[in-house]
Amino acid sequence: MLRVTNTYTGRKEPFEPLEDGKVKMYVCGPTVYGLMHLGNARPAVVFDAFRRYLEYKGYKVTMVQNFTDIDDKIINAANAAGVDFKRYADRFIAEYWIDAHLLGVRAANFHPRTTDYVPEIIDIIQRLIAKGHAYESGGDVYFDVRSFPKYGALSHRKIDEMLSGVRVDPTEHKRFPLDFALWKTAKPDEPSWESPWGRGRPGWHIECSAMSMSLLGESFDIHAGGNDLVFPHHENEKAQSEALTGKPFARYWMHNGMLRFSGEKMAKSVGNIFNVREALTRFGKDTIRLFLLSKHYTSPVDLSEEFLQESSRAARRVRDSLERARELGVAEKFVKADAWVHEMESRFQEALDDDFNTPMAVSLIFELVSELNSALDKGDEERAAQAYDLVVREIGPVLGLFDLPEKSTEEAGENLFSGVMEILLDVRNKLRSEKRYEITDRIRKRLEEMGIKLKDTPQGTKFTLDHHG
């Protein structure tokens, strides 16, 4: 039986959806003000794979992943670029789809945008005010935290502890320091909508409540996202939603650990981001997904060039073995599901049933690849076909790994890069032989600016890459 870690209870629990055979899940999506980075990619990949596994187990899954397309960061970035906020957000939603596709992340059933749900947001706020859980103050509307006794239960914090160190913006008109904005009054030159409280725009937390309840109902099975969202975002979502309906909002709260760069959370605000586009160009989809799924989803993941290179080598070993099997005609054989196949399938399900233990499932892939190579060496086509089938048609598709026989983006990029460098070095060596050092030095300098260092040796010119993510 599938068990998952529920942030709300702090325990690993049996997964029992509200409706037999059906799962409704909401995953917090990106705020679209820049290209997706690997920190954004982790929840996208983890919960894409988790959804695939639920479907593999026979559930009918309805998945919602939103786009936050109105936000201070979007407004500021759009103003700096001199474009309308919607045009700015639309551009990065389009960029997201490019990266998600290349990363093997399937589209959810619904991808709502905040700006399409303003009427629903206003309706929820009005109902919260009518129930005594919210109040208008100076054109803003705030949620009254003290009206909801369970506030802090998701993040396991007490109100007294939260109050220490809380700073209240003097422009805000809160009754209590922890109250949070449901509606913000319009500022000059900002996008705004008409409301009963004057022109303004939604607060961050109310957006996800409106979109999730509109598409999944007042109660649903799974609410997921990065663990940096537990407080305040998900805590506030839970409070306002349950105050409104009197029902449990989400049955299970699932959170992935953060991606860390030199021990710090990876974020645009910290300035240590590594764009998915760049990572895919250099390493390819399988490497990135393998890297992200090789640690348990609840654990933090440390990002480094070395770890990505290690995942790249591992992915290449698998692809090389699969390619060898295809060349020998193994891929076309129909497979007999004998006791060994059933054992491998059982081990795969046992791993993922245990709180979605993808590291264990990944290790099983490498075990199967070893079995594949051994069978090919012995000429045992039946066992080779079984191992190949398990990797390519069963385990791989659930994890979004090794599903295409084509060379990875990394390998294609490496071949192209190596070819271009070979031509460039030939030209530079010809120029050196003609003593045209001004041009050769300029080539060296430009390459160094790009992170490519040249070394002239008696055996010819060598180059090394000085990567900085």
Protein backbone atom coordinates (compact mmCIF):
# COMPACT_ATOMS: atom_id res chain seq x y z
CA MET A 1 0.00 0.00 0.00
CA LEU A 2 1.23 3.47 -0.88
CA ARG A 3 2.35 5.56 2.09
CA VAL A 4 3.38 9.23 1.97
CA THR A 5 4.82 11.72 4.42
CA ASN A 6 2.07 14.14 5.41
CA THR A 7 3.54 17.50 6.47
CA TYR A 8 0.38 18.23 8.48
CA THR A 9 0.73 15.22 10.78
CA GLY A 10 4.51 14.92 10.46
CA ARG A 11 4.08 11.19 9.84
CA LYS A 12 4.26 8.66 7.02
CA GLU A 13 0.65 7.66 6.41
CA PRO A 14 -1.28 5.20 4.21
CA PHE A 15 -2.57 7.02 1.14
CA GLU A 16 -6.36 6.80 0.96
CA PRO A 17 -7.98 9.20 -1.51
CA LEU A 18 -11.35 10.78 -0.80
CA GLU A 19 -12.89 8.88 -3.72
CA ASP A 20 -11.90 5.32 -4.60
CA GLY A 21 -9.76 5.11 -7.72
CA LYS A 22 -9.48 8.88 -8.16
CA VAL A 23 -6.87 11.37 -6.99
CA LYS A 24 -7.17 15.15 -7.06
CA MET A 25 -3.90 17.00 -6.56
CA TYR A 26 -2.79 20.63 -6.64
CA VAL A 27 0.86 21.57 -7.12
CA CYS A 28 2.00 25.14 -6.56
CA GLY A 29 3.51 26.35 -9.82
CA PRO A 30 5.99 29.09 -10.68
CA THR A 31 5.75 32.84 -10.35
CA VAL A 32 6.62 33.71 -13.93
CA TYR A 33 9.19 36.49 -13.92
CA GLY A 34 12.22 34.64 -15.33
CA LEU A 35 13.43 31.37 -16.81
CA MET A 36 12.88 28.20 -14.81
CA HIS A 37 15.90 27.26 -12.69
CA LEU A 38 16.81 23.89 -11.23
CA GLY A 39 15.22 24.88 -7.90
CA ASN A 40 11.87 25.26 -9.74
CA ALA A 41 12.56 22.04 -11.62
CA ARG A 42 12.66 19.85 -8.53
CA PRO A 43 8.96 20.03 -7.58
CA ALA A 44 8.04 19.94 -11.28
CA VAL A 45 9.99 16.69 -11.80
CA VAL A 46 9.15 15.08 -8.44
CA PHE A 47 5.40 15.59 -8.65
CA ASP A 48 5.33 14.81 -12.36
CA ALA A 49 6.86 11.44 -11.50
CA PHE A 50 4.55 10.98 -8.49
CA ARG A 51 1.52 11.61 -10.71
CA ARG A 52 2.88 9.08 -13.23
CA TYR A 53 3.18 6.52 -10.45
CA LEU A 54 -0.37 7.12 -9.26
CA GLU A 55 -1.53 6.50 -12.84
CA TYR A 56 0.70 3.41 -13.03
CA LYS A 57 -1.15 2.11 -9.96
CA GLY A 58 -4.45 2.61 -11.73
CA TYR A 59 -5.69 5.89 -10.26
CA LYS A 60 -7.47 8.45 -12.41
CA VAL A 61 -5.53 11.60 -11.54
CA THR A 62 -6.75 15.17 -11.92
CA MET A 63 -3.76 17.45 -11.46
CA VAL A 64 -3.75 21.25 -11.26
CA GLN A 65 -0.61 23.37 -11.43
CA ASN A 66 -1.06 27.13 -11.42
CA PHE A 67 0.86 30.05 -12.84
CA THR A 68 1.16 33.10 -10.61
CA ASP A 69 1.01 35.82 -13.24
CA ILE A 70 0.46 38.87 -11.02
CA ASP A 71 2.96 39.61 -8.27
CA ASP A 72 5.30 42.38 -7.04
CA LYS A 73 8.28 40.72 -8.74
CA ILE A 74 6.45 40.43 -12.06
CA ILE A 75 5.26 44.03 -11.88
CA ASN A 76 8.75 45.33 -11.04
CA ALA A 77 10.42 43.25 -13.76
CA ALA A 78 7.81 44.28 -16.34
CA ASN A 79 8.22 47.96 -15.43
CA ALA A 80 12.00 47.65 -15.72
CA ALA A 81 11.57 46.06 -19.16
CA GLY A 82 9.07 48.74 -20.17
CA VAL A 83 6.30 46.26 -21.04
CA ASP A 84 2.82 45.44 -19.79
CA PHE A 85 2.80 42.94 -16.90
CA LYS A 86 0.60 40.48 -18.84
CA ARG A 87 2.91 40.54 -21.85
CA TYR A 88 5.84 39.95 -19.51
CA ALA A 89 4.15 37.02 -17.71
CA ASP A 90 2.94 35.49 -20.99
CA ARG A 91 6.49 35.44 -22.30
CA PHE A 92 7.81 33.47 -19.33
CA ILE A 93 4.84 31.10 -19.31
CA ALA A 94 5.77 30.29 -22.92
CA GLU A 95 9.41 29.83 -21.85
CA TYR A 96 8.27 27.55 -19.03
CA TRP A 97 6.51 25.27 -21.52
CA ILE A 98 9.68 24.96 -23.60
CA ASP A 99 11.72 23.95 -20.56
CA ALA A 100 9.04 21.66 -19.13
CA HIS A 101 8.73 19.82 -22.43
CA LEU A 102 12.49 19.34 -22.74
CA LEU A 103 12.59 18.20 -19.12
CA GLY A 104 9.94 15.56 -19.76
CA VAL A 105 7.41 17.19 -17.41
CA ARG A 106 3.91 16.45 -18.66
CA ALA A 107 1.24 19.11 -18.68
CA ALA A 108 -1.21 18.99 -15.77
CA ASN A 109 -4.92 18.67 -16.50
CA PHE A 110 -5.35 22.35 -15.66
CA HIS A 111 -2.91 25.27 -15.60
CA PRO A 112 -4.92 28.18 -14.20
CA ARG A 113 -3.57 31.73 -14.14
CA THR A 114 -4.30 33.99 -11.20
CA THR A 115 -5.59 36.81 -13.40
CA ASP A 116 -8.31 34.53 -14.80
CA TYR A 117 -9.73 33.92 -11.31
CA VAL A 118 -10.15 37.44 -9.90
CA PRO A 119 -13.99 37.18 -9.71
CA GLU A 120 -13.69 33.90 -7.76
CA ILE A 121 -11.10 35.47 -5.46
CA ILE A 122 -13.36 38.47 -4.74
CA ASP A 123 -16.27 36.13 -3.99
CA ILE A 124 -14.21 34.12 -1.49
CA ILE A 125 -13.03 37.29 0.25
CA GLN A 126 -16.59 38.58 0.56
CA ARG A 127 -17.68 35.29 2.11
CA LEU A 128 -14.76 35.34 4.56
CA ILE A 129 -15.73 38.86 5.65
CA ALA A 130 -19.35 37.77 6.08
CA LYS A 131 -18.20 34.85 8.28
CA GLY A 132 -16.09 37.14 10.47
CA HIS A 133 -12.74 35.75 9.28
CA ALA A 134 -11.62 38.83 7.35
CA TYR A 135 -11.89 42.60 7.56
CA GLU A 136 -11.40 45.64 5.33
CA SER A 137 -8.96 48.31 6.41
CA GLY A 138 -7.85 51.28 4.34
CA GLY A 139 -8.83 49.63 1.05
CA ASP A 140 -6.94 46.43 1.94
CA VAL A 141 -8.61 43.25 3.19
CA TYR A 142 -6.89 41.04 5.76
CA PHE A 143 -7.50 37.55 7.06
CA ASP A 144 -8.05 37.55 10.83
CA VAL A 145 -5.59 34.89 12.00
CA ARG A 146 -6.99 34.84 15.54
CA SER A 147 -10.42 33.86 14.16
CA PHE A 148 -8.97 30.49 13.09
CA PRO A 149 -7.85 28.50 16.17
CA LYS A 150 -5.89 25.93 14.13
CA TYR A 151 -3.55 28.55 12.62
CA GLY A 152 0.02 27.21 12.73
CA ALA A 153 -0.98 23.52 12.68
CA LEU A 154 0.50 22.81 9.22
CA SER A 155 3.88 24.40 9.93
CA HIS A 156 3.81 23.21 13.57
CA ARG A 157 4.28 26.73 14.91
CA LYS A 158 2.61 28.51 17.78
CA ILE A 159 1.28 32.02 17.36
CA ASP A 160 3.36 33.33 20.28
CA GLU A 161 6.54 32.00 18.65
CA MET A 162 5.57 33.48 15.27
CA LEU A 163 5.08 36.90 16.80
CA SER A 164 8.70 37.20 17.93
CA GLY A 165 10.60 39.25 15.41
CA VAL A 166 7.54 40.05 13.27
CA ARG A 167 7.81 43.48 11.68
CA VAL A 168 4.69 45.26 10.52
CA ASP A 169 4.91 47.61 7.55
CA PRO A 170 3.65 51.02 8.74
CA THR A 171 1.62 51.32 5.51
CA GLU A 172 -0.45 48.29 6.52
CA HIS A 173 -3.55 48.62 8.70
CA LYS A 174 -3.64 45.25 10.42
CA ARG A 175 -5.43 44.50 13.66
CA PHE A 176 -2.86 41.81 14.48
CA PRO A 177 0.74 41.49 13.22
CA LEU A 178 0.21 37.99 11.72
CA ASP A 179 -2.92 38.91 9.75
CA PHE A 180 -2.21 38.63 6.03
CA ALA A 181 -3.53 40.42 2.96
CA LEU A 182 -6.32 38.91 0.91
CA TRP A 183 -6.75 42.04 -1.22
CA LYS A 184 -4.30 44.91 -1.76
CA THR A 185 -5.45 48.40 -2.62
CA ALA A 186 -4.20 49.73 -5.95
CA LYS A 187 -0.92 51.62 -6.12
CA PRO A 188 -0.10 54.11 -8.87
CA ASP A 189 0.92 52.51 -12.19
CA GLU A 190 0.05 49.00 -11.03
CA PRO A 191 -2.48 46.62 -12.61
CA SER A 192 -5.73 46.55 -10.66
CA TRP A 193 -9.32 45.28 -10.74
CA GLU A 194 -12.60 46.69 -9.46
CA SER A 195 -13.79 45.25 -6.16
CA PRO A 196 -16.24 46.12 -3.34
CA TRP A 197 -13.24 47.68 -1.55
CA GLY A 198 -12.06 49.80 -4.45
CA ARG A 199 -9.54 49.02 -7.16
CA GLY A 200 -6.84 46.59 -6.16
CA ARG A 201 -5.37 43.14 -6.75
CA PRO A 202 -5.35 39.78 -4.96
CA GLY A 203 -2.93 38.81 -2.22
CA TRP A 204 -0.67 35.84 -2.94
CA HIS A 205 -2.22 33.20 -0.67
CA ILE A 206 -5.86 33.65 -1.67
CA GLU A 207 -5.00 32.99 -5.32
CA CYS A 208 -4.21 29.30 -4.81
CA SER A 209 -7.28 28.73 -2.63
CA ALA A 210 -9.53 30.15 -5.35
CA MET A 211 -7.92 28.20 -8.18
CA SER A 212 -7.71 24.88 -6.35
CA MET A 213 -11.25 24.97 -4.96
CA SER A 214 -12.69 26.11 -8.31
CA LEU A 215 -11.09 23.18 -10.14
CA LEU A 216 -10.87 20.42 -7.51
CA GLY A 217 -13.59 21.25 -4.97
CA GLU A 218 -13.56 22.43 -1.38
CA SER A 219 -11.65 19.31 -0.26
CA PHE A 220 -9.16 17.33 -2.33
CA ASP A 221 -6.46 14.72 -1.83
CA ILE A 222 -2.98 16.21 -2.22
CA HIS A 223 -1.53 19.70 -1.98
CA ALA A 224 2.13 19.74 -2.98
CA GLY A 225 5.07 22.08 -3.44
CA GLY A 226 8.51 22.98 -2.15
CA ASN A 227 8.98 23.00 1.61
CA ASP A 228 9.82 26.71 1.48
CA LEU A 229 6.07 27.19 0.90
CA VAL A 230 4.91 25.48 4.12
CA PHE A 231 4.99 28.83 5.91
CA PRO A 232 3.52 31.25 5.28
CA HIS A 233 1.96 30.32 1.92
CA HIS A 234 0.45 26.92 2.58
CA GLU A 235 -0.33 27.71 6.22
CA ASN A 236 -2.33 30.73 5.07
CA GLU A 237 -4.01 28.82 2.24
CA LYS A 238 -5.15 26.16 4.67
CA ALA A 239 -6.41 28.68 7.21
CA GLN A 240 -8.48 30.80 4.83
CA SER A 241 -9.88 27.78 2.95
CA GLU A 242 -10.94 25.86 6.04
CA ALA A 243 -12.30 29.01 7.69
CA LEU A 244 -14.45 29.49 4.59
CA THR A 245 -15.79 25.96 4.17
CA GLY A 246 -15.47 24.35 7.60
CA LYS A 247 -14.00 21.31 5.81
CA PRO A 248 -10.45 19.91 5.60
CA PHE A 249 -8.75 21.64 2.64
CA ALA A 250 -6.24 19.00 1.54
CA ARG A 251 -6.05 15.46 2.92
CA TYR A 252 -2.27 15.15 2.41
CA TRP A 253 0.35 17.89 2.26
CA MET A 254 3.50 16.80 0.41
CA HIS A 255 6.63 18.94 0.26
CA ASN A 256 9.94 18.42 -1.49
CA GLY A 257 13.25 19.54 0.01
CA MET A 258 15.15 22.47 -1.41
CA LEU A 259 17.94 22.42 -3.95
CA ARG A 260 21.03 23.92 -2.33
CA PHE A 261 24.04 25.57 -3.90
CA SER A 262 27.00 25.70 -1.51
CA GLY A 263 24.58 25.03 1.35
CA GLU A 264 22.19 27.85 0.41
CA LYS A 265 18.70 27.48 -1.02
CA MET A 266 18.74 28.00 -4.77
CA ALA A 267 16.72 31.10 -5.61
CA LYS A 268 16.67 34.08 -7.93
CA SER A 269 16.78 36.37 -4.89
CA VAL A 270 20.03 34.76 -3.70
CA GLY A 271 21.56 34.98 -7.18
CA ASN A 272 22.84 31.39 -7.29
CA ILE A 273 20.44 30.03 -9.90
CA PHE A 274 21.29 27.52 -12.60
CA ASN A 275 18.76 27.79 -15.43
CA VAL A 276 17.08 24.61 -16.63
CA ARG A 277 17.72 25.70 -20.23
CA GLU A 278 21.46 25.86 -19.59
CA ALA A 279 21.46 22.58 -17.65
CA LEU A 280 19.52 20.78 -20.39
CA THR A 281 21.83 22.08 -23.09
CA ARG A 282 24.88 20.82 -21.25
CA PHE A 283 23.60 17.63 -19.64
CA GLY A 284 20.29 16.52 -21.19
CA LYS A 285 16.94 15.48 -19.73
CA ASP A 286 17.94 12.08 -18.35
CA THR A 287 20.88 13.52 -16.41
CA ILE A 288 18.77 16.26 -14.81
CA ARG A 289 15.89 13.95 -13.88
CA LEU A 290 18.28 11.27 -12.63
CA PHE A 291 20.06 13.86 -10.48
CA LEU A 292 16.80 15.15 -8.99
CA LEU A 293 15.27 11.70 -8.39
CA SER A 294 18.39 10.10 -6.93
CA LYS A 295 17.63 11.72 -3.56
CA HIS A 296 14.44 11.22 -1.58
CA TYR A 297 12.01 14.00 -2.42
CA THR A 298 11.75 15.19 1.20
CA SER A 299 15.53 15.62 1.53
CA PRO A 300 17.53 18.66 0.42
CA VAL A 301 19.72 18.18 -2.65
CA ASP A 302 23.16 19.74 -2.99
CA LEU A 303 23.90 20.99 -6.47
CA SER A 304 27.42 21.02 -7.86
CA GLU A 305 29.17 20.57 -11.17
CA GLU A 306 30.68 17.35 -9.83
CA PHE A 307 27.31 15.83 -8.90
CA LEU A 308 25.81 16.71 -12.30
CA GLN A 309 28.81 15.19 -14.09
CA GLU A 310 28.40 12.04 -11.97
CA SER A 311 24.72 11.80 -12.97
CA SER A 312 25.71 12.42 -16.59
CA ARG A 313 28.14 9.50 -16.57
CA ALA A 314 25.53 7.26 -14.94
CA ALA A 315 22.87 8.24 -17.48
CA ARG A 316 25.27 7.59 -20.33
CA ARG A 317 26.06 4.10 -19.02
CA VAL A 318 22.37 3.26 -19.08
CA ARG A 319 21.83 4.72 -22.55
CA ASP A 320 24.87 2.89 -23.94
CA SER A 321 23.54 -0.43 -22.63
CA LEU A 322 20.06 0.22 -24.02
CA GLU A 323 21.52 1.20 -27.37
CA ARG A 324 23.58 -2.00 -27.42
CA ALA A 325 20.41 -3.99 -26.77
CA ARG A 326 18.58 -2.21 -29.58
CA GLU A 327 21.42 -2.86 -32.03
CA LEU A 328 21.27 -6.56 -31.19
CA GLY A 329 17.50 -6.67 -31.83
CA VAL A 330 16.54 -7.26 -28.21
CA ALA A 331 14.08 -4.33 -28.10
CA GLU A 332 11.74 -5.98 -30.63
CA LYS A 333 11.30 -9.22 -28.68
CA PHE A 334 8.08 -9.88 -26.78
CA VAL A 335 8.71 -10.56 -23.11
CA LYS A 336 7.54 -13.45 -20.98
CA ALA A 337 6.54 -12.22 -17.52
CA ASP A 338 8.09 -14.99 -15.42
CA ALA A 339 8.81 -15.08 -11.68
CA TRP A 340 11.94 -12.91 -12.06
CA VAL A 341 10.03 -10.17 -13.91
CA HIS A 342 7.29 -10.20 -11.27
CA GLU A 343 9.93 -9.95 -8.54
CA MET A 344 11.49 -6.88 -10.20
CA GLU A 345 8.05 -5.29 -10.63
CA SER A 346 7.26 -5.96 -6.98
CA ARG A 347 10.53 -4.43 -5.82
CA PHE A 348 9.85 -1.35 -7.94
CA GLN A 349 6.38 -0.91 -6.45
CA GLU A 350 7.62 -1.59 -2.92
CA ALA A 351 10.18 1.20 -3.33
CA LEU A 352 7.71 3.79 -4.58
CA ASP A 353 4.94 2.66 -2.23
CA ASP A 354 7.32 3.51 0.63
CA ASP A 355 6.88 7.29 0.54
CA PHE A 356 7.87 7.49 -3.13
CA ASN A 357 11.42 6.23 -2.58
CA THR A 358 12.83 7.15 -5.99
CA PRO A 359 16.49 6.53 -4.99
CA MET A 360 15.59 2.88 -4.46
CA ALA A 361 13.77 2.77 -7.80
CA VAL A 362 16.76 4.39 -9.55
CA SER A 363 19.11 1.83 -8.00
CA LEU A 364 16.87 -0.90 -9.41
CA ILE A 365 17.35 0.56 -12.91
CA PHE A 366 21.12 0.18 -12.56
CA GLU A 367 20.69 -3.35 -11.25
CA LEU A 368 18.56 -4.18 -14.30
CA VAL A 369 21.12 -2.60 -16.64
CA SER A 370 23.82 -4.82 -15.10
CA GLU A 371 21.56 -7.82 -15.69
CA LEU A 372 20.98 -6.63 -19.26
CA ASN A 373 24.72 -6.38 -19.98
CA SER A 374 25.37 -9.77 -18.40
CA ALA A 375 22.59 -11.39 -20.45
CA LEU A 376 23.87 -9.79 -23.66
CA ASP A 377 27.39 -11.07 -22.92
CA LYS A 378 26.02 -14.58 -22.43
CA GLY A 379 23.73 -14.43 -25.45
CA ASP A 380 20.67 -14.88 -23.22
CA GLU A 381 18.23 -12.90 -25.37
CA GLU A 382 15.16 -13.71 -23.26
CA ARG A 383 16.64 -12.35 -20.03
CA ALA A 384 18.12 -9.38 -21.91
CA ALA A 385 14.69 -8.59 -23.39
CA GLN A 386 13.10 -8.81 -19.95
CA ALA A 387 15.63 -6.41 -18.41
CA TYR A 388 15.35 -4.02 -21.36
CA ASP A 389 11.55 -4.06 -21.19
CA LEU A 390 11.51 -3.34 -17.46
CA VAL A 391 13.79 -0.31 -17.86
CA VAL A 392 12.33 1.17 -21.04
CA ARG A 393 8.64 0.26 -20.86
CA GLU A 394 7.87 0.02 -17.15
CA ILE A 395 10.19 1.76 -14.69
CA GLY A 396 11.59 4.39 -17.04
CA PRO A 397 8.21 5.84 -18.10
CA VAL A 398 7.09 6.22 -14.48
CA LEU A 399 10.21 8.22 -13.60
CA GLY A 400 10.33 9.94 -16.99
CA LEU A 401 13.74 8.40 -17.70
CA PHE A 402 15.37 6.73 -20.72
CA ASP A 403 12.24 6.88 -22.83
CA LEU A 404 13.86 7.93 -26.12
CA PRO A 405 16.60 6.12 -28.05
CA GLU A 406 18.01 9.35 -29.48
CA LYS A 407 21.23 10.77 -28.18
CA SER A 408 20.84 13.17 -25.29
CA THR A 409 21.05 16.91 -25.70
CA GLU A 410 24.36 16.67 -23.84
CA GLU A 411 25.91 14.18 -26.27
CA ALA A 412 24.65 16.05 -29.33
CA GLY A 413 25.90 19.30 -27.83
CA GLU A 414 29.26 17.78 -26.98
CA ASN A 415 29.74 16.47 -30.50
CA LEU A 416 28.84 19.83 -32.02
CA PHE A 417 30.97 21.73 -29.52
CA SER A 418 33.98 19.48 -30.05
CA GLY A 419 33.68 19.80 -33.80
CA VAL A 420 33.48 23.60 -33.66
CA MET A 421 36.45 23.77 -31.27
CA GLU A 422 38.50 21.53 -33.55
CA ILE A 423 37.87 23.85 -36.50
CA LEU A 424 38.61 26.95 -34.40
CA LEU A 425 41.89 25.54 -33.06
CA ASP A 426 42.98 24.54 -36.57
CA VAL A 427 42.38 28.12 -37.74
CA ARG A 428 44.19 29.53 -34.69
CA ASN A 429 47.19 27.23 -35.21
CA LYS A 430 47.39 28.32 -38.85
CA LEU A 431 47.38 31.96 -37.70
CA ARG A 432 50.12 31.18 -35.13
CA SER A 433 52.27 29.60 -37.82
CA GLU A 434 51.90 32.86 -39.75
CA LYS A 435 52.86 34.78 -36.56
CA ARG A 436 49.58 36.67 -36.53
CA TYR A 437 49.61 36.80 -32.75
CA GLU A 438 47.25 39.74 -32.33
CA ILE A 439 44.37 37.66 -33.76
CA THR A 440 45.35 34.45 -31.92
CA ASP A 441 45.54 36.35 -28.62
CA ARG A 442 42.12 37.86 -29.27
CA ILE A 443 40.69 34.38 -29.88
CA ARG A 444 42.25 33.14 -26.63
CA LYS A 445 40.85 36.10 -24.68
CA ARG A 446 37.31 35.73 -26.06
CA LEU A 447 37.32 32.01 -25.30
CA GLU A 448 38.51 32.65 -21.74
CA GLU A 449 35.63 35.08 -21.28
CA MET A 450 33.34 32.18 -22.23
CA GLY A 451 35.00 29.84 -19.72
CA ILE A 452 37.19 27.99 -22.24
CA LYS A 453 40.91 27.97 -21.39
CA LEU A 454 43.55 27.18 -24.01
CA LYS A 455 46.95 25.64 -23.35
CA ASP A 456 49.56 25.49 -26.11
CA THR A 457 51.68 22.32 -25.74
CA PRO A 458 54.28 20.56 -27.94
CA GLN A 459 51.51 18.06 -28.78
CA GLY A 460 49.17 20.84 -29.93
CA THR A 461 46.65 23.19 -28.35
CA LYS A 462 44.44 21.72 -25.60
CA PHE A 463 41.32 23.29 -24.10
CA THR A 464 39.53 22.93 -20.79
CA LEU A 465 36.12 24.16 -19.69
CA ASP A 466 35.93 26.32 -16.58
CA HIS A 467 32.24 25.86 -15.72
CA HIS A 468 30.48 28.12 -13.26
CA GLY A 469 26.80 27.27 -12.70
